[in-house]
Amino acid sequence: MHRIEKGDPACAIGAFFEVAAIVGVRLFNADDATLATAISANNAILALLPKSVRPSSTQVNDDF
């Protein structure tokens, strides 16, 4: 689980499925209404995030 939290790309996909099952996260829903509700909730959250992040173009002189 620690490797999954850190985003280790070498972690096997089976480990993701096992952890999701252990913590109770449903990865697959056959119910279209539930899936549509989850998608709309995720889209509402994603709308709040910036489209891109740019590094600052100005250098800060913090040498005191």
C-alpha atoms as a PDB file:
ATOM      1  CA  MET A   1       0.000   0.000   0.000  1.00  0.00           C
ATOM      2  CA  HIS A   2       2.931   2.306   0.705  1.00  0.00           C
ATOM      3  CA  ARG A   3       4.222   1.861  -2.860  1.00  0.00           C
ATOM      4  CA  ILE A   4       0.769   2.620  -4.260  1.00  0.00           C
ATOM      5  CA  GLU A   5       0.514   5.821  -2.197  1.00  0.00           C
ATOM      6  CA  LYS A   6       3.919   6.941  -3.449  1.00  0.00           C
ATOM      7  CA  GLY A   7       2.910   6.254  -7.068  1.00  0.00           C
ATOM      8  CA  ASP A   8       5.545   3.608  -7.724  1.00  0.00           C
ATOM      9  CA  PRO A   9       5.217   2.699 -11.426  1.00  0.00           C
ATOM     10  CA  ALA A  10       6.694  -0.774 -10.770  1.00  0.00           C
ATOM     11  CA  CYS A  11       3.726  -1.713  -8.577  1.00  0.00           C
ATOM     12  CA  ALA A  12       1.579  -4.441 -10.147  1.00  0.00           C
ATOM     13  CA  ILE A  13      -2.009  -3.713 -11.177  1.00  0.00           C
ATOM     14  CA  GLY A  14      -3.177  -6.650  -9.076  1.00  0.00           C
ATOM     15  CA  ALA A  15      -1.954  -4.840  -5.969  1.00  0.00           C
ATOM     16  CA  PHE A  16      -4.201  -1.899  -6.828  1.00  0.00           C
ATOM     17  CA  PHE A  17      -7.210  -4.199  -7.145  1.00  0.00           C
ATOM     18  CA  GLU A  18      -6.421  -5.945  -3.862  1.00  0.00           C
ATOM     19  CA  VAL A  19      -6.024  -2.691  -1.930  1.00  0.00           C
ATOM     20  CA  ALA A  20      -9.222  -1.302  -3.438  1.00  0.00           C
ATOM     21  CA  ALA A  21     -11.104  -4.416  -2.349  1.00  0.00           C
ATOM     22  CA  ILE A  22      -9.619  -4.272   1.153  1.00  0.00           C
ATOM     23  CA  VAL A  23     -10.525  -0.618   1.740  1.00  0.00           C
ATOM     24  CA  GLY A  24     -13.964  -1.030   0.167  1.00  0.00           C
ATOM     25  CA  VAL A  25     -13.540   1.002  -3.013  1.00  0.00           C
ATOM     26  CA  ARG A  26     -15.744  -0.317  -5.797  1.00  0.00           C
ATOM     27  CA  LEU A  27     -13.881  -0.177  -9.084  1.00  0.00           C
ATOM     28  CA  PHE A  28     -16.618  -1.529 -11.316  1.00  0.00           C
ATOM     29  CA  ASN A  29     -20.316  -0.701 -11.172  1.00  0.00           C
ATOM     30  CA  ALA A  30     -22.906  -2.414 -13.333  1.00  0.00           C
ATOM     31  CA  ASP A  31     -25.506   0.186 -12.331  1.00  0.00           C
ATOM     32  CA  ASP A  32     -25.521   2.969 -14.949  1.00  0.00           C
ATOM     33  CA  ALA A  33     -27.256   5.471 -12.663  1.00  0.00           C
ATOM     34  CA  THR A  34     -24.627   5.069  -9.941  1.00  0.00           C
ATOM     35  CA  LEU A  35     -21.843   5.375 -12.482  1.00  0.00           C
ATOM     36  CA  ALA A  36     -23.368   8.526 -14.009  1.00  0.00           C
ATOM     37  CA  THR A  37     -23.678  10.092 -10.559  1.00  0.00           C
ATOM     38  CA  ALA A  38     -20.034   9.322  -9.772  1.00  0.00           C
ATOM     39  CA  ILE A  39     -18.878  10.750 -13.116  1.00  0.00           C
ATOM     40  CA  SER A  40     -20.805  13.990 -12.625  1.00  0.00           C
ATOM     41  CA  ALA A  41     -19.421  14.357  -9.083  1.00  0.00           C
ATOM     42  CA  ASN A  42     -15.879  13.823 -10.370  1.00  0.00           C
ATOM     43  CA  ASN A  43     -16.418  16.341 -13.184  1.00  0.00           C
ATOM     44  CA  ALA A  44     -17.628  18.923 -10.663  1.00  0.00           C
ATOM     45  CA  ILE A  45     -14.477  18.438  -8.606  1.00  0.00           C
ATOM     46  CA  LEU A  46     -12.212  18.525 -11.676  1.00  0.00           C
ATOM     47  CA  ALA A  47     -13.809  21.803 -12.789  1.00  0.00           C
ATOM     48  CA  LEU A  48     -12.326  23.446  -9.698  1.00  0.00           C
ATOM     49  CA  LEU A  49      -8.770  22.450 -10.570  1.00  0.00           C
ATOM     50  CA  PRO A  50      -6.570  24.585 -12.830  1.00  0.00           C
ATOM     51  CA  LYS A  51      -6.122  23.410 -16.416  1.00  0.00           C
ATOM     52  CA  SER A  52      -2.347  23.700 -16.185  1.00  0.00           C
ATOM     53  CA  VAL A  53       0.352  24.833 -13.819  1.00  0.00           C
ATOM     54  CA  ARG A  54       3.192  27.017 -15.014  1.00  0.00           C
ATOM     55  CA  PRO A  55       6.397  27.690 -13.136  1.00  0.00           C
ATOM     56  CA  SER A  56       6.973  31.243 -11.977  1.00  0.00           C
ATOM     57  CA  SER A  57       8.814  33.314 -14.576  1.00  0.00           C
ATOM     58  CA  THR A  58      10.292  35.754 -12.053  1.00  0.00           C
ATOM     59  CA  GLN A  59      13.197  34.933  -9.805  1.00  0.00           C
ATOM     60  CA  VAL A  60      12.808  35.914  -6.159  1.00  0.00           C
ATOM     61  CA  ASN A  61      15.866  37.377  -4.494  1.00  0.00           C
ATOM     62  CA  ASP A  62      15.602  35.995  -0.986  1.00  0.00           C
ATOM     63  CA  ASP A  63      19.295  36.250  -0.101  1.00  0.00           C
ATOM     64  CA  PHE A  64      19.342  38.420   3.000  1.00  0.00           C
END
